[in-house]
Amino acid sequence: MGVQRPPLGALLGDYQPGELIAEWIDGIPLKRPATATDVANLLLFLASDAGQYITGQAINVDGGMFMS
């Protein structure tokens, strides 16, 4: 009895390629994944005078995915 491995390319839960991404995007209120530009815009804001009073915060760039 050795370790049994799934066939090469098999995905957790027998999802088809791309199916998990579609499910993940459906869970994001803005209905799209973040881009590098989304993150860069936050960094530019925090580095600007407009963000000078913001300190010690964890800011999620997630399109509202983890709103509670």
PDB file of N, CA and C in Angstrom:
ATOM      1  N   MET A   1       0.833  -1.190   0.000  1.00  0.00           N
ATOM      2  CA  MET A   1       0.000   0.000   0.000  1.00  0.00           C
ATOM      3  C   MET A   1       0.863   1.233   0.000  1.00  0.00           C
ATOM      4  N   GLY A   2       1.136   1.925  -0.886  1.00  0.00           N
ATOM      5  CA  GLY A   2       1.891   3.163  -0.840  1.00  0.00           C
ATOM      6  C   GLY A   2       0.956   4.347  -0.846  1.00  0.00           C
ATOM      7  N   VAL A   3       1.551   5.483  -0.967  1.00  0.00           N
ATOM      8  CA  VAL A   3       0.764   6.717  -1.063  1.00  0.00           C
ATOM      9  C   VAL A   3       0.074   6.729  -2.422  1.00  0.00           C
ATOM     10  N   GLN A   4      -1.219   6.958  -2.412  1.00  0.00           N
ATOM     11  CA  GLN A   4      -1.948   7.047  -3.677  1.00  0.00           C
ATOM     12  C   GLN A   4      -2.070   8.509  -4.076  1.00  0.00           C
ATOM     13  N   ARG A   5      -1.673   8.803  -5.259  1.00  0.00           N
ATOM     14  CA  ARG A   5      -1.715  10.178  -5.766  1.00  0.00           C
ATOM     15  C   ARG A   5      -2.747  10.282  -6.881  1.00  0.00           C
ATOM     16  N   PRO A   6      -3.412  11.418  -6.957  1.00  0.00           N
ATOM     17  CA  PRO A   6      -4.371  11.597  -8.053  1.00  0.00           C
ATOM     18  C   PRO A   6      -3.621  11.710  -9.376  1.00  0.00           C
ATOM     19  N   PRO A   7      -4.298  11.470 -10.473  1.00  0.00           N
ATOM     20  CA  PRO A   7      -3.642  11.608 -11.762  1.00  0.00           C
ATOM     21  C   PRO A   7      -3.115  13.029 -11.957  1.00  0.00           C
ATOM     22  N   LEU A   8      -2.053  13.144 -12.707  1.00  0.00           N
ATOM     23  CA  LEU A   8      -1.460  14.450 -12.983  1.00  0.00           C
ATOM     24  C   LEU A   8      -2.516  15.384 -13.575  1.00  0.00           C
ATOM     25  N   GLY A   9      -2.641  16.573 -13.015  1.00  0.00           N
ATOM     26  CA  GLY A   9      -3.606  17.549 -13.508  1.00  0.00           C
ATOM     27  C   GLY A   9      -4.947  17.493 -12.810  1.00  0.00           C
ATOM     28  N   ALA A  10      -5.173  16.513 -11.926  1.00  0.00           N
ATOM     29  CA  ALA A  10      -6.451  16.432 -11.197  1.00  0.00           C
ATOM     30  C   ALA A  10      -6.515  17.564 -10.179  1.00  0.00           C
ATOM     31  N   LEU A  11      -7.687  18.119 -10.012  1.00  0.00           N
ATOM     32  CA  LEU A  11      -7.888  19.220  -9.082  1.00  0.00           C
ATOM     33  C   LEU A  11      -8.675  18.742  -7.870  1.00  0.00           C
ATOM     34  N   LEU A  12      -8.465  19.384  -6.751  1.00  0.00           N
ATOM     35  CA  LEU A  12      -9.169  19.057  -5.514  1.00  0.00           C
ATOM     36  C   LEU A  12     -10.673  19.050  -5.752  1.00  0.00           C
ATOM     37  N   GLY A  13     -11.336  17.983  -5.344  1.00  0.00           N
ATOM     38  CA  GLY A  13     -12.785  17.893  -5.474  1.00  0.00           C
ATOM     39  C   GLY A  13     -13.268  17.651  -6.884  1.00  0.00           C
ATOM     40  N   ASP A  14     -12.393  17.218  -7.763  1.00  0.00           N
ATOM     41  CA  ASP A  14     -12.741  16.912  -9.157  1.00  0.00           C
ATOM     42  C   ASP A  14     -13.327  18.106  -9.909  1.00  0.00           C
ATOM     43  N   TYR A  15     -12.871  19.287  -9.587  1.00  0.00           N
ATOM     44  CA  TYR A  15     -13.275  20.462 -10.352  1.00  0.00           C
ATOM     45  C   TYR A  15     -12.598  20.444 -11.713  1.00  0.00           C
ATOM     46  N   GLN A  16     -13.244  20.993 -12.681  1.00  0.00           N
ATOM     47  CA  GLN A  16     -12.662  21.125 -14.005  1.00  0.00           C
ATOM     48  C   GLN A  16     -11.779  22.379 -14.041  1.00  0.00           C
ATOM     49  N   PRO A  17     -10.773  22.422 -14.912  1.00  0.00           N
ATOM     50  CA  PRO A  17      -9.929  23.617 -14.998  1.00  0.00           C
ATOM     51  C   PRO A  17     -10.777  24.875 -15.228  1.00  0.00           C
ATOM     52  N   GLY A  18     -10.508  25.893 -14.449  1.00  0.00           N
ATOM     53  CA  GLY A  18     -11.226  27.153 -14.563  1.00  0.00           C
ATOM     54  C   GLY A  18     -12.481  27.231 -13.707  1.00  0.00           C
ATOM     55  N   GLU A  19     -12.996  26.093 -13.274  1.00  0.00           N
ATOM     56  CA  GLU A  19     -14.235  26.074 -12.505  1.00  0.00           C
ATOM     57  C   GLU A  19     -14.061  26.732 -11.132  1.00  0.00           C
ATOM     58  N   LEU A  20     -12.939  26.487 -10.465  1.00  0.00           N
ATOM     59  CA  LEU A  20     -12.699  27.101  -9.163  1.00  0.00           C
ATOM     60  C   LEU A  20     -12.563  28.615  -9.283  1.00  0.00           C
ATOM     61  N   ILE A  21     -11.904  29.076 -10.330  1.00  0.00           N
ATOM     62  CA  ILE A  21     -11.745  30.520 -10.538  1.00  0.00           C
ATOM     63  C   ILE A  21     -13.112  31.174 -10.703  1.00  0.00           C
ATOM     64  N   ALA A  22     -13.986  30.561 -11.484  1.00  0.00           N
ATOM     65  CA  ALA A  22     -15.324  31.126 -11.694  1.00  0.00           C
ATOM     66  C   ALA A  22     -16.096  31.185 -10.378  1.00  0.00           C
ATOM     67  N   GLU A  23     -16.000  30.131  -9.559  1.00  0.00           N
ATOM     68  CA  GLU A  23     -16.669  30.128  -8.252  1.00  0.00           C
ATOM     69  C   GLU A  23     -16.109  31.215  -7.350  1.00  0.00           C
ATOM     70  N   TRP A  24     -14.796  31.352  -7.366  1.00  0.00           N
ATOM     71  CA  TRP A  24     -14.120  32.352  -6.542  1.00  0.00           C
ATOM     72  C   TRP A  24     -14.559  33.762  -6.955  1.00  0.00           C
ATOM     73  N   ILE A  25     -14.578  34.038  -8.240  1.00  0.00           N
ATOM     74  CA  ILE A  25     -14.976  35.366  -8.731  1.00  0.00           C
ATOM     75  C   ILE A  25     -16.440  35.646  -8.407  1.00  0.00           C
ATOM     76  N   ASP A  26     -17.298  34.631  -8.460  1.00  0.00           N
ATOM     77  CA  ASP A  26     -18.708  34.811  -8.098  1.00  0.00           C
ATOM     78  C   ASP A  26     -18.870  35.256  -6.647  1.00  0.00           C
ATOM     79  N   GLY A  27     -17.910  34.912  -5.782  1.00  0.00           N
ATOM     80  CA  GLY A  27     -17.965  35.296  -4.376  1.00  0.00           C
ATOM     81  C   GLY A  27     -17.447  36.696  -4.098  1.00  0.00           C
ATOM     82  N   ILE A  28     -16.953  37.385  -5.120  1.00  0.00           N
ATOM     83  CA  ILE A  28     -16.436  38.746  -4.970  1.00  0.00           C
ATOM     84  C   ILE A  28     -17.537  39.722  -5.378  1.00  0.00           C
ATOM     85  N   PRO A  29     -17.937  40.624  -4.478  1.00  0.00           N
ATOM     86  CA  PRO A  29     -19.014  41.555  -4.828  1.00  0.00           C
ATOM     87  C   PRO A  29     -18.751  42.380  -6.101  1.00  0.00           C
ATOM     88  N   LEU A  30     -17.492  42.731  -6.389  1.00  0.00           N
ATOM     89  CA  LEU A  30     -17.207  43.488  -7.605  1.00  0.00           C
ATOM     90  C   LEU A  30     -17.085  42.605  -8.840  1.00  0.00           C
ATOM     91  N   LYS A  31     -17.198  41.278  -8.653  1.00  0.00           N
ATOM     92  CA  LYS A  31     -17.231  40.290  -9.750  1.00  0.00           C
ATOM     93  C   LYS A  31     -15.985  40.283 -10.634  1.00  0.00           C
ATOM     94  N   ARG A  32     -14.820  40.597 -10.045  1.00  0.00           N
ATOM     95  CA  ARG A  32     -13.556  40.484 -10.776  1.00  0.00           C
ATOM     96  C   ARG A  32     -12.423  40.364  -9.768  1.00  0.00           C
ATOM     97  N   PRO A  33     -11.350  39.685 -10.143  1.00  0.00           N
ATOM     98  CA  PRO A  33     -10.204  39.616  -9.241  1.00  0.00           C
ATOM     99  C   PRO A  33      -9.462  40.950  -9.239  1.00  0.00           C
ATOM    100  N   ALA A  34      -8.701  41.192  -8.197  1.00  0.00           N
ATOM    101  CA  ALA A  34      -7.894  42.416  -8.117  1.00  0.00           C
ATOM    102  C   ALA A  34      -6.777  42.363  -9.152  1.00  0.00           C
ATOM    103  N   THR A  35      -6.357  43.526  -9.560  1.00  0.00           N
ATOM    104  CA  THR A  35      -5.228  43.639 -10.488  1.00  0.00           C
ATOM    105  C   THR A  35      -4.073  44.317  -9.768  1.00  0.00           C
ATOM    106  N   ALA A  36      -2.915  44.282 -10.393  1.00  0.00           N
ATOM    107  CA  ALA A  36      -1.757  44.970  -9.832  1.00  0.00           C
ATOM    108  C   ALA A  36      -2.041  46.470  -9.714  1.00  0.00           C
ATOM    109  N   THR A  37      -2.814  47.006 -10.633  1.00  0.00           N
ATOM    110  CA  THR A  37      -3.173  48.428 -10.595  1.00  0.00           C
ATOM    111  C   THR A  37      -4.026  48.742  -9.373  1.00  0.00           C
ATOM    112  N   ASP A  38      -4.932  47.842  -8.990  1.00  0.00           N
ATOM    113  CA  ASP A  38      -5.752  48.052  -7.794  1.00  0.00           C
ATOM    114  C   ASP A  38      -4.866  48.200  -6.559  1.00  0.00           C
ATOM    115  N   VAL A  39      -3.876  47.340  -6.437  1.00  0.00           N
ATOM    116  CA  VAL A  39      -2.963  47.393  -5.291  1.00  0.00           C
ATOM    117  C   VAL A  39      -2.084  48.636  -5.375  1.00  0.00           C
ATOM    118  N   ALA A  40      -1.582  48.948  -6.564  1.00  0.00           N
ATOM    119  CA  ALA A  40      -0.733  50.127  -6.741  1.00  0.00           C
ATOM    120  C   ALA A  40      -1.485  51.407  -6.398  1.00  0.00           C
ATOM    121  N   ASN A  41      -2.768  51.475  -6.749  1.00  0.00           N
ATOM    122  CA  ASN A  41      -3.560  52.666  -6.422  1.00  0.00           C
ATOM    123  C   ASN A  41      -3.666  52.871  -4.914  1.00  0.00           C
ATOM    124  N   LEU A  42      -3.825  51.781  -4.163  1.00  0.00           N
ATOM    125  CA  LEU A  42      -3.843  51.899  -2.702  1.00  0.00           C
ATOM    126  C   LEU A  42      -2.495  52.401  -2.196  1.00  0.00           C
ATOM    127  N   LEU A  43      -1.423  51.831  -2.709  1.00  0.00           N
ATOM    128  CA  LEU A  43      -0.088  52.259  -2.273  1.00  0.00           C
ATOM    129  C   LEU A  43       0.172  53.727  -2.599  1.00  0.00           C
ATOM    130  N   LEU A  44      -0.248  54.157  -3.771  1.00  0.00           N
ATOM    131  CA  LEU A  44      -0.083  55.568  -4.136  1.00  0.00           C
ATOM    132  C   LEU A  44      -0.870  56.474  -3.194  1.00  0.00           C
ATOM    133  N   PHE A  45      -2.085  56.067  -2.861  1.00  0.00           N
ATOM    134  CA  PHE A  45      -2.900  56.848  -1.926  1.00  0.00           C
ATOM    135  C   PHE A  45      -2.216  56.933  -0.561  1.00  0.00           C
ATOM    136  N   LEU A  46      -1.761  55.785  -0.043  1.00  0.00           N
ATOM    137  CA  LEU A  46      -1.139  55.780   1.285  1.00  0.00           C
ATOM    138  C   LEU A  46       0.154  56.591   1.311  1.00  0.00           C
ATOM    139  N   ALA A  47       0.869  56.641   0.195  1.00  0.00           N
ATOM    140  CA  ALA A  47       2.120  57.392   0.127  1.00  0.00           C
ATOM    141  C   ALA A  47       1.887  58.884  -0.142  1.00  0.00           C
ATOM    142  N   SER A  48       0.661  59.251  -0.490  1.00  0.00           N
ATOM    143  CA  SER A  48       0.366  60.651  -0.812  1.00  0.00           C
ATOM    144  C   SER A  48      -0.003  61.429   0.454  1.00  0.00           C
ATOM    145  N   ASP A  49      -0.119  62.739   0.298  1.00  0.00           N
ATOM    146  CA  ASP A  49      -0.549  63.581   1.415  1.00  0.00           C
ATOM    147  C   ASP A  49      -1.953  63.202   1.888  1.00  0.00           C
ATOM    148  N   ALA A  50      -2.792  62.716   0.982  1.00  0.00           N
ATOM    149  CA  ALA A  50      -4.165  62.337   1.351  1.00  0.00           C
ATOM    150  C   ALA A  50      -4.198  61.181   2.351  1.00  0.00           C
ATOM    151  N   GLY A  51      -3.160  60.357   2.376  1.00  0.00           N
ATOM    152  CA  GLY A  51      -3.130  59.225   3.290  1.00  0.00           C
ATOM    153  C   GLY A  51      -2.230  59.420   4.489  1.00  0.00           C
ATOM    154  N   GLN A  52      -1.831  60.660   4.741  1.00  0.00           N
ATOM    155  CA  GLN A  52      -0.832  60.904   5.786  1.00  0.00           C
ATOM    156  C   GLN A  52      -1.315  60.595   7.205  1.00  0.00           C
ATOM    157  N   TYR A  53      -2.595  60.557   7.443  1.00  0.00           N
ATOM    158  CA  TYR A  53      -3.103  60.333   8.797  1.00  0.00           C
ATOM    159  C   TYR A  53      -3.484  58.869   9.043  1.00  0.00           C
ATOM    160  N   ILE A  54      -3.274  58.026   8.043  1.00  0.00           N
ATOM    161  CA  ILE A  54      -3.599  56.604   8.182  1.00  0.00           C
ATOM    162  C   ILE A  54      -2.351  55.875   8.657  1.00  0.00           C
ATOM    163  N   THR A  55      -2.460  55.231   9.818  1.00  0.00           N
ATOM    164  CA  THR A  55      -1.328  54.484  10.370  1.00  0.00           C
ATOM    165  C   THR A  55      -1.812  53.165  10.956  1.00  0.00           C
ATOM    166  N   GLY A  56      -0.969  52.153  10.898  1.00  0.00           N
ATOM    167  CA  GLY A  56      -1.222  50.884  11.566  1.00  0.00           C
ATOM    168  C   GLY A  56      -2.486  50.165  11.143  1.00  0.00           C
ATOM    169  N   GLN A  57      -2.840  50.235   9.890  1.00  0.00           N
ATOM    170  CA  GLN A  57      -4.062  49.594   9.413  1.00  0.00           C
ATOM    171  C   GLN A  57      -3.747  48.437   8.474  1.00  0.00           C
ATOM    172  N   ALA A  58      -4.580  47.426   8.496  1.00  0.00           N
ATOM    173  CA  ALA A  58      -4.544  46.354   7.500  1.00  0.00           C
ATOM    174  C   ALA A  58      -5.682  46.642   6.527  1.00  0.00           C
ATOM    175  N   ILE A  59      -5.348  46.942   5.302  1.00  0.00           N
ATOM    176  CA  ILE A  59      -6.354  47.306   4.308  1.00  0.00           C
ATOM    177  C   ILE A  59      -6.421  46.196   3.264  1.00  0.00           C
ATOM    178  N   ASN A  60      -7.569  45.578   3.138  1.00  0.00           N
ATOM    179  CA  ASN A  60      -7.759  44.513   2.156  1.00  0.00           C
ATOM    180  C   ASN A  60      -8.103  45.117   0.801  1.00  0.00           C
ATOM    181  N   VAL A  61      -7.401  44.677  -0.220  1.00  0.00           N
ATOM    182  CA  VAL A  61      -7.731  45.041  -1.598  1.00  0.00           C
ATOM    183  C   VAL A  61      -8.333  43.776  -2.197  1.00  0.00           C
ATOM    184  N   ASP A  62      -9.637  43.583  -1.957  1.00  0.00           N
ATOM    185  CA  ASP A  62     -10.262  42.303  -2.290  1.00  0.00           C
ATOM    186  C   ASP A  62     -11.633  42.448  -2.953  1.00  0.00           C
ATOM    187  N   GLY A  63     -11.986  43.632  -3.367  1.00  0.00           N
ATOM    188  CA  GLY A  63     -13.264  43.827  -4.037  1.00  0.00           C
ATOM    189  C   GLY A  63     -14.474  43.570  -3.145  1.00  0.00           C
ATOM    190  N   GLY A  64     -14.270  43.610  -1.827  1.00  0.00           N
ATOM    191  CA  GLY A  64     -15.360  43.397  -0.882  1.00  0.00           C
ATOM    192  C   GLY A  64     -15.558  41.936  -0.513  1.00  0.00           C
ATOM    193  N   MET A  65     -14.631  41.074  -0.909  1.00  0.00           N
ATOM    194  CA  MET A  65     -14.788  39.635  -0.684  1.00  0.00           C
ATOM    195  C   MET A  65     -14.926  39.263   0.791  1.00  0.00           C
ATOM    196  N   PHE A  66     -14.244  39.974   1.667  1.00  0.00           N
ATOM    197  CA  PHE A  66     -14.273  39.607   3.077  1.00  0.00           C
ATOM    198  C   PHE A  66     -14.999  40.623   3.942  1.00  0.00           C
ATOM    199  N   MET A  67     -16.029  41.263   3.380  1.00  0.00           N
ATOM    200  CA  MET A  67     -16.842  42.181   4.167  1.00  0.00           C
ATOM    201  C   MET A  67     -17.623  41.396   5.211  1.00  0.00           C
ATOM    202  N   SER A  68     -17.793  41.995   6.349  1.00  0.00           N
ATOM    203  CA  SER A  68     -18.595  41.287   7.358  1.00  0.00           C
ATOM    204  C   SER A  68     -19.685  42.177   7.891  1.00  0.00           C
TER     205      SER A  68
END
